[in-house]
Protein backbone atom coordinates (compact mmCIF):
# COMPACT_ATOMS: atom_id res chain seq x y z
CA UNK A 1 107.14 -11.71 103.89
CA UNK A 2 105.32 -9.43 101.33
CA UNK A 3 103.47 -7.98 103.84
CA UNK A 4 106.76 -6.87 105.43
CA UNK A 5 107.73 -5.62 102.10
CA UNK A 6 104.63 -3.60 101.61
CA UNK A 7 104.47 -2.23 105.32
CA UNK A 8 108.22 -1.30 104.86
CA UNK A 9 107.55 0.57 101.21
CA UNK A 10 104.50 1.74 103.05
CA UNK A 11 106.86 3.16 106.00
CA UNK A 12 109.39 4.19 103.37
CA UNK A 13 106.87 6.14 101.61
CA UNK A 14 105.15 7.66 104.99
CA UNK A 15 108.94 9.36 105.76
CA UNK A 16 108.83 10.14 102.29
CA UNK A 17 105.59 12.29 102.98
CA UNK A 18 106.39 13.38 106.14
CA UNK A 19 109.64 14.63 104.96
CA UNK A 20 107.76 16.39 102.00
CA UNK A 21 105.33 17.65 104.50
CA UNK A 22 107.97 19.59 106.65
CA UNK A 23 109.99 20.30 103.52
CA UNK A 24 106.70 22.01 102.44
CA UNK A 25 106.01 23.48 105.51
CA UNK A 26 109.68 24.92 105.77
CA UNK A 27 108.88 26.15 102.82
CA UNK A 28 105.87 27.74 103.53
CA UNK A 29 107.45 29.09 106.24
CA UNK A 30 110.43 30.38 104.51
CA UNK A 31 107.42 32.03 101.53
CA UNK A 32 106.04 33.58 104.12
CA UNK A 33 108.80 35.28 105.95
CA UNK A 34 110.01 36.34 102.42
CA UNK A 35 106.30 38.05 101.91
CA UNK A 36 106.91 39.56 105.20
CA UNK A 37 110.28 40.66 104.73
CA UNK A 38 109.02 42.00 100.96
CA UNK A 39 106.32 43.50 102.85
CA UNK A 40 108.37 45.63 105.20
CA UNK A 41 110.76 46.52 102.32
CA UNK A 42 107.94 48.23 100.11
CA UNK A 43 106.96 49.64 103.14
CA UNK A 44 110.44 51.11 104.23
CA UNK A 45 111.12 52.20 100.04
CA UNK A 46 107.64 54.18 100.48
CA UNK A 47 108.71 55.83 103.55
CA UNK A 48 112.10 56.94 102.39
CA UNK A 49 110.40 58.25 99.41
CA UNK A 50 107.83 60.16 101.11
CA UNK A 51 111.17 61.58 103.12
CA UNK A 52 112.97 61.98 99.77
CA UNK A 53 110.10 63.99 98.35
CA UNK A 54 109.70 66.26 101.59
CA UNK A 55 113.41 67.08 101.38
CA UNK A 56 113.06 68.05 97.65
CA UNK A 57 110.17 70.19 98.44
CA UNK A 58 112.24 71.63 101.33
CA UNK A 59 115.65 72.11 99.01
CA UNK A 60 112.92 73.83 96.08
CA UNK A 61 111.56 76.35 98.73
CA UNK A 62 115.37 76.84 100.18
CA UNK A 63 116.46 77.62 96.33
CA UNK A 64 113.90 79.61 96.02
CA UNK A 65 114.26 82.11 99.52
CA UNK A 66 118.16 82.07 97.97
CA UNK A 67 116.95 83.47 94.98
CA UNK A 68 114.67 85.81 96.50
CA UNK A 69 117.72 86.52 98.89
CA UNK A 70 119.97 87.80 95.94
CA UNK A 71 117.19 89.75 94.32
CA UNK A 72 116.85 91.53 97.44
CA UNK A 73 120.25 91.73 97.70
CA UNK A 74 120.51 93.44 94.21
CA UNK A 75 117.77 95.87 94.94
CA UNK A 76 119.24 96.84 98.19
CA UNK A 77 122.74 97.55 96.51
CA UNK A 78 120.87 99.42 93.73
CA UNK A 79 118.93 101.34 96.28
CA UNK A 80 122.50 102.14 97.91
CA UNK A 81 123.97 103.58 94.48
CA UNK A 82 120.81 105.47 93.95
CA UNK A 83 120.88 107.01 96.93
CA UNK A 84 124.48 108.14 97.00
CA UNK A 85 123.97 109.72 93.48
CA UNK A 86 121.08 111.68 94.89
CA UNK A 87 123.35 112.52 97.95
CA UNK A 88 125.85 113.96 95.38
CA UNK A 89 123.23 115.39 93.20
CA UNK A 90 121.79 117.32 96.52
CA UNK A 91 125.32 118.09 97.82
CA UNK A 92 126.29 119.83 94.40
CA UNK A 93 123.31 121.81 94.31
CA UNK A 94 123.48 122.87 97.47
CA UNK A 95 126.80 124.00 96.62
CA UNK A 96 125.69 125.88 93.89
CA UNK A 97 122.65 127.21 95.86
CA UNK A 98 125.36 128.72 98.34
CA UNK A 99 127.85 129.84 95.62
CA UNK A 100 125.03 131.93 94.23
CA UNK A 101 124.05 133.23 97.30
CA UNK A 102 127.44 133.89 97.84
CA UNK A 103 128.14 135.53 94.85
CA UNK A 104 125.06 137.77 95.35
CA UNK A 105 125.89 138.95 99.14
CA UNK A 106 129.20 139.86 97.86
CA UNK A 107 128.36 142.60 96.10
CA UNK A 108 126.14 143.59 98.67
CA UNK A 109 128.68 143.77 101.70
CA UNK A 110 131.39 145.05 99.20
CA UNK A 111 128.79 147.98 98.42
CA UNK A 112 127.87 148.67 102.35
CA UNK A 113 131.28 150.01 102.46
CA UNK A 114 131.72 151.84 98.91
CA UNK A 115 128.59 153.27 97.16
CA UNK A 116 125.74 150.55 98.02
CA UNK A 117 125.69 149.73 94.23
CA UNK A 118 124.70 145.96 93.66
CA UNK A 119 126.12 144.15 90.65
CA UNK A 120 123.79 141.35 89.89
CA UNK A 121 125.54 138.03 89.15
CA UNK A 122 125.18 136.02 85.83
CA UNK A 123 123.20 133.03 87.12
CA UNK A 124 124.50 130.21 85.01
CA UNK A 125 122.79 126.91 86.72
CA UNK A 126 123.31 123.37 85.51
CA UNK A 127 119.74 121.96 84.60
CA UNK A 128 119.30 118.08 84.41
CA UNK A 129 117.03 116.42 82.21
CA UNK A 130 113.38 115.10 83.37
CA UNK A 131 114.60 111.80 82.69
CA UNK A 132 117.67 112.17 84.53
CA UNK A 133 115.49 113.01 87.65
CA UNK A 134 113.02 110.64 87.32
CA UNK A 135 112.66 108.62 90.17
CA UNK A 136 114.50 111.07 92.19
CA UNK A 137 111.79 113.71 94.25
CA UNK A 138 114.85 114.96 95.89
CA UNK A 139 116.80 116.33 92.84
CA UNK A 140 113.44 117.33 91.77
CA UNK A 141 112.75 119.39 94.99
CA UNK A 142 116.26 121.03 94.68
CA UNK A 143 115.70 121.80 90.79
CA UNK A 144 112.63 123.72 92.00
CA UNK A 145 114.80 125.65 94.85
CA UNK A 146 117.33 126.18 92.24
CA UNK A 147 114.40 128.04 90.06
CA UNK A 148 114.14 130.48 93.18
CA UNK A 149 117.28 131.61 93.13
CA UNK A 150 116.58 134.54 90.61
CA UNK A 151 113.49 135.69 92.86
CA UNK A 152 116.16 136.46 95.90
CA UNK A 153 118.60 137.73 93.57
CA UNK A 154 116.10 140.26 92.33
CA UNK A 155 114.64 140.84 96.08
CA UNK A 156 118.48 141.74 97.09
CA UNK A 157 118.38 144.44 94.22
CA UNK A 158 115.39 145.96 94.89
CA UNK A 159 116.50 146.26 98.86
CA UNK A 160 119.86 147.64 97.58
CA UNK A 161 117.96 150.17 95.57
CA UNK A 162 116.17 151.44 98.85
CA UNK A 163 119.30 151.63 100.70
CA UNK A 164 120.55 153.77 97.68
CA UNK A 165 117.41 156.25 97.78
CA UNK A 166 117.84 156.36 101.77
CA UNK A 167 121.48 157.30 101.18
CA UNK A 168 120.84 160.09 98.69
CA UNK A 169 118.41 161.59 100.95
CA UNK A 170 114.83 160.26 99.13
CA UNK A 171 113.91 157.60 101.46
CA UNK A 172 113.58 157.10 105.16
CA UNK A 173 117.15 156.31 106.61
CA UNK A 174 118.77 153.12 105.71
CA UNK A 175 119.06 152.38 109.51
CA UNK A 176 115.43 152.49 109.43
CA UNK A 177 115.22 149.76 106.41
CA UNK A 178 117.49 147.22 107.95
């Protein structure tokens, strides 16, 4: 009876030990699966972190590109405004040259029908400061052209004097001079 009792206790202990062993194995398996799952989650987080860093770099680059494009647009708008001002300046200078030339030629044509006297017009040319012409080579070029107008007026005056002398008999005939 004691032997049976001890055998029964031994069997109960064996069952408990097997139960604990199987529970321990289950816990080990669960722990192993948890470690594996944790490792996979860690790898996924690293992958996502790399992806986010890459996206941040791309975003930063896009923002820089946008900033450069905006600067380029502002520069282009400024260049267009400057070009429009230069165009207006060139047009006004060309009109001034044309008006001055017409004023200089008008007495010549009137003199051809009357007595060949040439009245030189008074030149009042608008000049611009050096600061206003900085960065505008076209404006400076036309400014130089406007400075040549007195030469042309003088040339026409000389030619007119030659015509007057030719008509008065002191020089060759006017038809030969033209």
